[in-house]
Amino acid sequence: MAKTVFDVVVIGAGAAGLFCAATAARRGRRVLVLDHAAEAGAKILISGGGRCNFTNLSVRAENFLSANPHFAKSALAKFSSQDFVKLVETHDIAYHEKRLGQLFCDDSARGILGMLLGLCRQNGVTLRLSQKVTEISRGAAFTVQTDADMIEATSLVLATGGLSIPKLGATGFTYDIAKQFGLAVIPVKPGLVPLRFEGDPWGWMQGLSGVSFESVARFGKREFRENALFTHRGLSGPAVLQISSYLSEAGDLTLNMLPGTDASALLLERKAARPKAELKTILAEMFPARLAQALLPEALQKQVIAETSNQRLKELGEKINFLRMRPTGTEGFAKAEVTVGGVDTAGLSSQTMGATEVPGLFVIGEAVDVTGWLGGYNFQWAWSSGFAAGSVA
């Protein structure tokens, strides 16, 4: 079989891969993007409810999890969120800040995907979809065998992402190829994922699906103050998704369901001021009705607050402010927005994303052990790491 020769082969037509390809091609490189999927950028299209939370106004290395917390600094500095915003504005894509610096398209996420594909076309990138890579080898150059062709290139970029959302075609391909070339892989787990709380201890949560409330979710020294949301099987919402990335398998998170308020002191204050009020009425002023009812044991449902001992009120306040929770599991990669862990940064250059022991091999995006918070950070890592590799590949 005759070989097709390129300077750079990028495997993965997602956010990182497409941006890397366009960046490399702009330097005059002959670039090929391969993907086994039939459509490029599927994850872009579903992100942010279809409006793509494409970056955040404030992006720092502290917004990412990694075995090396400093690794992301260089790439983020080379191509910042402000740089991507300028690109979006140049292409007349209308956007808005939703909250906490999160930037979304006013219209469809297709605006971002269209921009990336347009940049690839303008710079002569070749895009081949529905092609499965069957083998990769390396001699004087990399040889990539697909089910339709054989390609040779001096640079190979792995950009196939992690294991999150397998229905969109996510696989462990990059991890396998990285290991083939001697790179270590940090064990992976679902990140930004809903938590499950099932069984007798969590019976009080039944029937609360759809109820949301402001909270502070805390694990160790890390905490996030945002909304939490009850689901059919546990908890989700921004605060819970954020803390999920940090949780260890045997770890307890602490949930403050009334942040900024000492719930025990407030209940005692209400007891003094309104002794004849029912306890459930007091709680209904603090929480959505269904949650207020669920927080009260059945014995206290009809009890006026004056009849409730100060000790019981303090215990209830403690539950509200310091609810210790150990999940029975997560919703797994199927519902996870990202993958925590991945190709070990110890084997990569923070300047170029290149493998230090395998010249010409690059790993970018979600496949790397750099995982962002909820709020546009993971897309920014895709742009920044893709730019770093595309600038030298």
Protein backbone atom coordinates (compact mmCIF):
# COMPACT_ATOMS: atom_id res chain seq x y z
CA MET A 1 0.00 0.00 0.00
CA ALA A 2 1.36 3.42 -0.98
CA LYS A 3 1.98 5.89 1.79
CA THR A 4 0.54 9.40 1.97
CA VAL A 5 3.13 11.78 3.42
CA PHE A 6 2.36 14.70 5.74
CA ASP A 7 4.43 16.80 8.11
CA VAL A 8 1.96 16.44 10.98
CA VAL A 9 -0.76 13.88 11.71
CA VAL A 10 -3.25 14.85 14.40
CA ILE A 11 -5.40 12.00 15.70
CA GLY A 12 -8.63 13.42 17.07
CA ALA A 13 -10.92 16.01 15.47
CA GLY A 14 -12.07 17.59 18.71
CA ALA A 15 -11.34 21.03 20.17
CA ALA A 16 -7.64 20.46 20.89
CA GLY A 17 -6.94 18.52 17.71
CA LEU A 18 -8.59 20.97 15.33
CA PHE A 19 -6.97 24.01 16.92
CA CYS A 20 -3.57 22.33 16.93
CA ALA A 21 -3.98 21.39 13.27
CA ALA A 22 -4.93 24.92 12.23
CA THR A 23 -2.01 26.35 14.23
CA ALA A 24 0.52 23.99 12.63
CA ALA A 25 -0.88 24.48 9.12
CA ARG A 26 -0.65 28.25 9.48
CA ARG A 27 3.12 27.73 9.78
CA GLY A 28 3.14 26.04 6.38
CA ARG A 29 3.01 22.47 7.67
CA ARG A 30 1.16 19.82 5.68
CA VAL A 31 -1.35 18.62 8.29
CA LEU A 32 -3.76 15.69 8.37
CA VAL A 33 -6.47 15.26 11.00
CA LEU A 34 -7.85 11.74 11.49
CA ASP A 35 -10.90 10.69 13.49
CA HIS A 36 -12.93 7.50 13.68
CA ALA A 37 -16.12 9.51 14.18
CA ALA A 38 -18.32 10.57 11.29
CA GLU A 39 -18.50 14.18 12.49
CA ALA A 40 -15.83 16.50 13.87
CA GLY A 41 -16.23 18.23 17.21
CA ALA A 42 -19.17 16.26 18.59
CA LYS A 43 -18.31 17.18 22.18
CA ILE A 44 -18.12 20.87 21.25
CA LEU A 45 -21.68 20.73 19.91
CA ILE A 46 -23.25 19.36 23.09
CA SER A 47 -21.20 21.45 25.51
CA GLY A 48 -22.80 24.21 27.55
CA GLY A 49 -26.29 23.06 26.66
CA GLY A 50 -25.46 23.48 22.99
CA ARG A 51 -23.99 26.96 23.42
CA CYS A 52 -20.38 25.95 24.24
CA ASN A 53 -18.80 27.44 27.36
CA PHE A 54 -15.66 28.07 25.29
CA THR A 55 -13.46 29.73 27.93
CA ASN A 56 -13.42 31.71 31.16
CA LEU A 57 -12.42 35.33 31.71
CA SER A 58 -10.04 34.30 34.49
CA VAL A 59 -7.90 31.23 33.86
CA ARG A 60 -5.00 30.25 36.10
CA ALA A 61 -3.09 27.04 36.72
CA GLU A 62 -4.92 26.85 40.07
CA ASN A 63 -8.12 26.07 38.13
CA PHE A 64 -6.71 22.70 37.07
CA LEU A 65 -5.99 19.34 38.72
CA SER A 66 -2.71 17.65 37.87
CA ALA A 67 0.00 15.62 39.57
CA ASN A 68 2.18 18.60 38.58
CA PRO A 69 0.14 21.70 39.54
CA HIS A 70 2.56 23.99 37.68
CA PHE A 71 2.56 22.13 34.36
CA ALA A 72 -0.28 24.09 32.71
CA LYS A 73 1.25 27.52 33.36
CA SER A 74 3.42 27.73 30.25
CA ALA A 75 0.77 26.70 27.72
CA LEU A 76 -1.85 28.94 29.35
CA ALA A 77 0.56 31.86 29.11
CA LYS A 78 1.41 31.19 25.45
CA PHE A 79 -2.25 31.24 24.43
CA SER A 80 -4.58 32.78 27.02
CA SER A 81 -8.33 33.01 27.34
CA GLN A 82 -8.05 36.61 26.13
CA ASP A 83 -6.31 35.35 22.99
CA PHE A 84 -9.17 32.96 22.27
CA VAL A 85 -11.77 35.66 22.94
CA LYS A 86 -10.03 37.88 20.35
CA LEU A 87 -10.24 35.02 17.87
CA VAL A 88 -13.96 34.57 18.58
CA GLU A 89 -14.54 38.30 18.12
CA THR A 90 -12.58 38.32 14.86
CA HIS A 91 -14.99 35.70 13.55
CA ASP A 92 -18.03 37.72 14.68
CA ILE A 93 -19.28 35.04 17.07
CA ALA A 94 -21.60 36.74 19.56
CA TYR A 95 -21.06 35.66 23.17
CA HIS A 96 -21.99 36.57 26.72
CA GLU A 97 -20.74 36.04 30.26
CA LYS A 98 -23.14 33.77 32.09
CA ARG A 99 -21.67 33.72 35.60
CA LEU A 100 -18.29 33.47 37.31
CA GLY A 101 -16.48 34.54 34.13
CA GLN A 102 -17.97 31.75 32.02
CA LEU A 103 -18.28 32.73 28.35
CA PHE A 104 -20.96 31.15 26.14
CA CYS A 105 -22.03 31.62 22.53
CA ASP A 106 -25.21 33.67 22.18
CA ASP A 107 -26.34 31.24 19.53
CA SER A 108 -25.20 27.70 18.78
CA ALA A 109 -21.95 25.94 19.66
CA ARG A 110 -21.74 25.37 15.90
CA GLY A 111 -20.26 28.86 15.73
CA ILE A 112 -17.12 27.65 17.54
CA LEU A 113 -16.91 24.42 15.55
CA GLY A 114 -17.48 26.33 12.31
CA MET A 115 -14.65 28.70 13.21
CA LEU A 116 -12.24 25.82 13.91
CA LEU A 117 -13.15 23.99 10.71
CA GLY A 118 -12.86 27.25 8.79
CA LEU A 119 -9.37 27.87 10.17
CA CYS A 120 -8.39 24.37 9.12
CA ARG A 121 -9.76 24.86 5.60
CA GLN A 122 -8.12 28.27 5.19
CA ASN A 123 -4.74 26.84 6.12
CA GLY A 124 -5.01 23.70 3.99
CA VAL A 125 -5.57 21.07 6.67
CA THR A 126 -6.74 17.71 5.32
CA LEU A 127 -9.58 16.23 7.41
CA ARG A 128 -10.44 12.55 7.16
CA LEU A 129 -13.36 11.29 9.21
CA SER A 130 -14.74 7.78 9.71
CA GLN A 131 -11.22 6.37 9.58
CA LYS A 132 -10.05 4.06 12.33
CA VAL A 133 -6.36 3.96 13.22
CA THR A 134 -5.30 0.33 13.42
CA GLU A 135 -1.55 0.62 14.03
CA ILE A 136 1.15 3.20 14.72
CA SER A 137 4.88 2.60 14.43
CA ARG A 138 7.97 4.77 14.44
CA GLY A 139 11.17 4.53 12.46
CA ALA A 140 12.74 7.55 10.78
CA ALA A 141 9.18 8.94 10.87
CA PHE A 142 5.81 7.88 12.27
CA THR A 143 3.72 5.48 10.21
CA VAL A 144 -0.01 5.52 10.88
CA GLN A 145 -2.06 2.67 9.45
CA THR A 146 -5.82 3.19 9.17
CA ASP A 147 -8.55 0.93 7.83
CA ALA A 148 -8.35 2.95 4.60
CA ASP A 149 -4.81 4.28 4.18
CA MET A 150 -1.20 4.38 5.33
CA ILE A 151 0.26 7.74 6.36
CA GLU A 152 3.78 8.85 7.17
CA ALA A 153 4.62 11.98 9.17
CA THR A 154 7.50 13.43 11.13
CA SER A 155 5.16 14.64 13.92
CA LEU A 156 2.28 12.80 15.56
CA VAL A 157 -0.20 14.57 17.84
CA LEU A 158 -2.49 12.52 20.10
CA ALA A 159 -5.70 14.46 20.73
CA THR A 160 -8.43 11.88 21.20
CA GLY A 161 -9.48 13.03 24.67
CA GLY A 162 -10.32 10.91 27.68
CA LEU A 163 -13.02 8.39 28.56
CA SER A 164 -15.87 10.80 29.34
CA ILE A 165 -19.11 10.51 27.35
CA PRO A 166 -18.41 7.21 25.54
CA LYS A 167 -21.62 7.57 23.49
CA LEU A 168 -19.72 10.22 21.51
CA GLY A 169 -16.97 7.73 20.74
CA ALA A 170 -14.59 8.34 23.65
CA THR A 171 -11.97 5.61 24.03
CA GLY A 172 -8.65 5.03 25.77
CA PHE A 173 -6.80 5.26 22.42
CA THR A 174 -4.35 7.98 23.44
CA TYR A 175 -3.49 6.18 26.68
CA ASP A 176 -2.72 2.99 24.74
CA ILE A 177 -0.49 4.74 22.20
CA ALA A 178 1.24 6.77 24.92
CA LYS A 179 2.09 3.55 26.77
CA GLN A 180 3.29 2.00 23.51
CA PHE A 181 5.89 4.77 23.28
CA GLY A 182 6.92 4.51 26.92
CA LEU A 183 4.88 7.33 28.45
CA ALA A 184 3.32 6.74 31.87
CA VAL A 185 -0.41 7.21 32.43
CA ILE A 186 -1.85 8.47 35.72
CA PRO A 187 -4.88 6.30 36.65
CA VAL A 188 -8.07 7.88 35.33
CA LYS A 189 -11.48 8.45 36.90
CA PRO A 190 -14.64 10.37 36.03
CA GLY A 191 -14.49 14.10 36.79
CA LEU A 192 -17.19 16.77 36.97
CA VAL A 193 -19.60 13.92 37.52
CA PRO A 194 -22.88 13.55 39.49
CA LEU A 195 -22.59 11.61 42.76
CA ARG A 196 -24.82 8.74 43.83
CA PHE A 197 -26.25 8.41 47.34
CA GLU A 198 -28.28 5.24 47.63
CA GLY A 199 -29.46 3.03 50.47
CA ASP A 200 -31.00 3.59 53.91
CA PRO A 201 -28.80 6.47 55.12
CA TRP A 202 -29.96 8.56 52.20
CA GLY A 203 -33.63 7.66 52.22
CA TRP A 204 -34.51 11.24 53.18
CA MET A 205 -33.26 12.35 49.75
CA GLN A 206 -35.90 10.33 47.91
CA GLY A 207 -38.45 12.52 46.17
CA LEU A 208 -36.17 15.56 46.03
CA SER A 209 -35.13 15.18 42.39
CA GLY A 210 -35.06 18.59 40.70
CA VAL A 211 -34.70 20.60 43.91
CA SER A 212 -31.69 22.94 43.84
CA PHE A 213 -30.19 25.09 46.57
CA GLU A 214 -27.11 27.21 47.17
CA SER A 215 -24.37 25.29 48.92
CA VAL A 216 -20.70 24.98 49.74
CA ALA A 217 -19.29 21.56 48.85
CA ARG A 218 -16.00 20.85 50.60
CA PHE A 219 -13.40 18.09 50.47
CA GLY A 220 -10.16 18.57 52.37
CA LYS A 221 -8.99 22.13 51.78
CA ARG A 222 -10.93 22.51 48.52
CA GLU A 223 -14.41 24.04 48.50
CA PHE A 224 -16.85 25.40 45.93
CA ARG A 225 -19.78 27.72 46.62
CA GLU A 226 -22.40 27.20 43.93
CA ASN A 227 -25.76 25.50 43.52
CA ALA A 228 -26.31 21.82 44.29
CA LEU A 229 -29.10 19.80 42.70
CA PHE A 230 -30.85 16.64 43.86
CA THR A 231 -31.19 13.92 41.23
CA HIS A 232 -33.07 10.60 41.17
CA ARG A 233 -29.99 8.85 42.53
CA GLY A 234 -28.08 11.51 44.43
CA LEU A 235 -26.62 14.95 43.86
CA SER A 236 -25.40 17.04 40.98
CA GLY A 237 -25.23 20.78 40.24
CA PRO A 238 -22.11 22.93 39.85
CA ALA A 239 -20.85 22.69 43.45
CA VAL A 240 -21.11 18.90 43.49
CA LEU A 241 -19.65 18.45 40.02
CA GLN A 242 -16.70 20.63 40.97
CA ILE A 243 -15.90 18.77 44.17
CA SER A 244 -16.38 15.38 42.49
CA SER A 245 -13.08 15.79 40.63
CA TYR A 246 -11.21 16.05 43.93
CA LEU A 247 -12.97 13.28 45.88
CA SER A 248 -11.10 10.12 46.69
CA GLU A 249 -13.01 6.84 46.50
CA ALA A 250 -13.22 6.53 50.28
CA GLY A 251 -13.62 10.24 50.95
CA ASP A 252 -16.40 12.14 52.69
CA LEU A 253 -17.49 15.50 51.34
CA THR A 254 -19.06 18.11 53.58
CA LEU A 255 -22.09 19.99 52.32
CA ASN A 256 -23.10 23.33 53.80
CA MET A 257 -26.72 23.76 52.77
CA LEU A 258 -27.01 27.29 54.16
CA PRO A 259 -23.70 29.01 53.37
CA GLY A 260 -22.93 32.25 55.16
CA THR A 261 -25.42 31.52 57.94
CA ASP A 262 -25.00 29.78 61.29
CA ALA A 263 -28.07 27.54 61.05
CA SER A 264 -28.03 26.57 64.74
CA ALA A 265 -27.93 30.19 65.85
CA LEU A 266 -30.69 31.08 63.41
CA LEU A 267 -32.99 28.31 64.67
CA LEU A 268 -32.43 29.36 68.30
CA GLU A 269 -33.12 32.95 67.34
CA ARG A 270 -36.39 31.92 65.65
CA LYS A 271 -37.35 29.92 68.73
CA ALA A 272 -36.99 33.01 70.90
CA ALA A 273 -38.79 35.31 68.46
CA ARG A 274 -41.58 33.00 67.22
CA PRO A 275 -42.09 30.22 69.76
CA LYS A 276 -45.50 29.18 68.39
CA ALA A 277 -44.33 28.70 64.80
CA GLU A 278 -44.10 25.15 63.54
CA LEU A 279 -40.56 23.98 62.94
CA LYS A 280 -41.43 22.96 59.36
CA THR A 281 -42.66 26.52 58.72
CA ILE A 282 -39.34 27.95 59.90
CA LEU A 283 -37.40 25.56 57.66
CA ALA A 284 -39.66 26.33 54.68
CA GLU A 285 -38.51 29.96 54.97
CA MET A 286 -34.90 28.76 54.62
CA PHE A 287 -35.23 26.09 51.93
CA PRO A 288 -37.45 24.92 49.07
CA ALA A 289 -40.57 23.28 50.56
CA ARG A 290 -39.72 19.69 49.65
CA LEU A 291 -36.20 20.00 51.05
CA ALA A 292 -37.44 21.66 54.23
CA GLN A 293 -39.78 18.74 54.84
CA ALA A 294 -37.13 16.13 54.06
CA LEU A 295 -34.69 17.63 56.56
CA LEU A 296 -37.09 17.09 59.45
CA PRO A 297 -37.58 13.69 61.10
CA GLU A 298 -41.22 12.63 61.03
CA ALA A 299 -41.49 13.16 64.81
CA LEU A 300 -40.74 16.88 64.34
CA GLN A 301 -42.98 17.52 61.33
CA LYS A 302 -45.86 19.01 63.35
CA GLN A 303 -43.89 20.24 66.31
CA VAL A 304 -43.83 23.93 67.19
CA ILE A 305 -40.36 25.29 67.65
CA ALA A 306 -40.90 26.09 71.37
CA GLU A 307 -41.39 22.36 72.03
CA THR A 308 -38.08 21.50 70.36
CA SER A 309 -35.11 21.32 72.69
CA ASN A 310 -32.15 23.57 72.08
CA GLN A 311 -30.02 20.45 71.64
CA ARG A 312 -32.28 19.14 68.86
CA LEU A 313 -32.17 22.53 67.15
CA LYS A 314 -28.38 22.59 67.38
CA GLU A 315 -28.20 19.08 65.89
CA LEU A 316 -30.47 20.16 63.05
CA GLY A 317 -28.30 23.22 62.49
CA GLU A 318 -25.19 21.05 62.39
CA LYS A 319 -26.84 18.84 59.76
CA ILE A 320 -27.65 21.91 57.67
CA ASN A 321 -24.17 23.47 57.88
CA PHE A 322 -21.94 20.41 58.14
CA LEU A 323 -23.63 17.46 56.43
CA ARG A 324 -20.98 14.76 56.02
CA MET A 325 -21.67 12.61 52.99
CA ARG A 326 -19.86 9.59 51.55
CA PRO A 327 -21.14 8.81 48.04
CA THR A 328 -22.04 5.24 47.19
CA GLY A 329 -20.58 5.91 43.74
CA THR A 330 -20.70 8.25 40.77
CA GLU A 331 -22.63 8.23 37.51
CA GLY A 332 -19.40 7.16 35.81
CA PHE A 333 -17.83 8.19 32.55
CA ALA A 334 -21.23 8.12 30.83
CA LYS A 335 -22.26 11.27 32.70
CA ALA A 336 -18.81 12.72 33.46
CA GLU A 337 -17.90 15.93 31.67
CA VAL A 338 -14.17 15.23 31.86
CA THR A 339 -11.59 12.59 32.70
CA VAL A 340 -9.31 13.14 35.70
CA GLY A 341 -5.81 11.69 35.24
CA GLY A 342 -4.25 10.74 31.92
CA VAL A 343 -0.84 10.89 30.26
CA ASP A 344 1.70 11.80 32.93
CA THR A 345 3.05 15.31 32.48
CA ALA A 346 6.44 14.13 33.78
CA GLY A 347 7.12 12.77 30.29
CA LEU A 348 5.99 15.89 28.44
CA SER A 349 7.46 19.34 27.84
CA SER A 350 5.28 22.04 29.37
CA GLN A 351 6.47 24.39 26.61
CA THR A 352 5.52 22.23 23.62
CA MET A 353 3.45 19.27 24.91
CA GLY A 354 6.05 17.08 23.21
CA ALA A 355 7.22 13.77 24.66
CA THR A 356 10.70 14.42 26.01
CA GLU A 357 11.96 10.92 25.13
CA VAL A 358 10.10 10.50 21.81
CA PRO A 359 10.91 13.36 19.40
CA GLY A 360 7.94 14.31 17.23
CA LEU A 361 5.27 12.85 19.54
CA PHE A 362 2.84 15.29 21.20
CA VAL A 363 -0.09 14.79 23.57
CA ILE A 364 -2.70 17.52 24.06
CA GLY A 365 -6.12 18.24 25.54
CA GLU A 366 -8.10 16.05 27.90
CA ALA A 367 -5.83 13.03 27.37
CA VAL A 368 -3.13 14.78 29.43
CA ASP A 369 -3.17 14.72 33.24
CA VAL A 370 -4.51 18.28 33.36
CA THR A 371 -8.18 18.58 34.27
CA GLY A 372 -10.02 21.88 34.53
CA TRP A 373 -12.82 23.08 36.73
CA LEU A 374 -16.33 23.48 35.43
CA GLY A 375 -16.76 26.79 33.63
CA GLY A 376 -14.81 26.85 30.35
CA TYR A 377 -11.44 25.80 31.75
CA ASN A 378 -11.22 22.49 29.92
CA PHE A 379 -11.87 24.13 26.56
CA GLN A 380 -9.19 26.70 27.35
CA TRP A 381 -6.78 23.86 28.07
CA ALA A 382 -7.68 22.41 24.66
CA TRP A 383 -6.89 25.72 22.95
CA SER A 384 -3.71 26.38 24.95
CA SER A 385 -2.22 22.89 24.71
CA GLY A 386 -3.23 22.64 21.05
CA PHE A 387 -1.54 25.96 20.31
CA ALA A 388 1.63 24.93 22.17
CA ALA A 389 1.98 21.73 20.12
CA GLY A 390 0.82 23.30 16.87
CA SER A 391 3.45 26.02 17.19
CA VAL A 392 6.32 23.52 16.96
CA ALA A 393 5.05 20.26 15.42
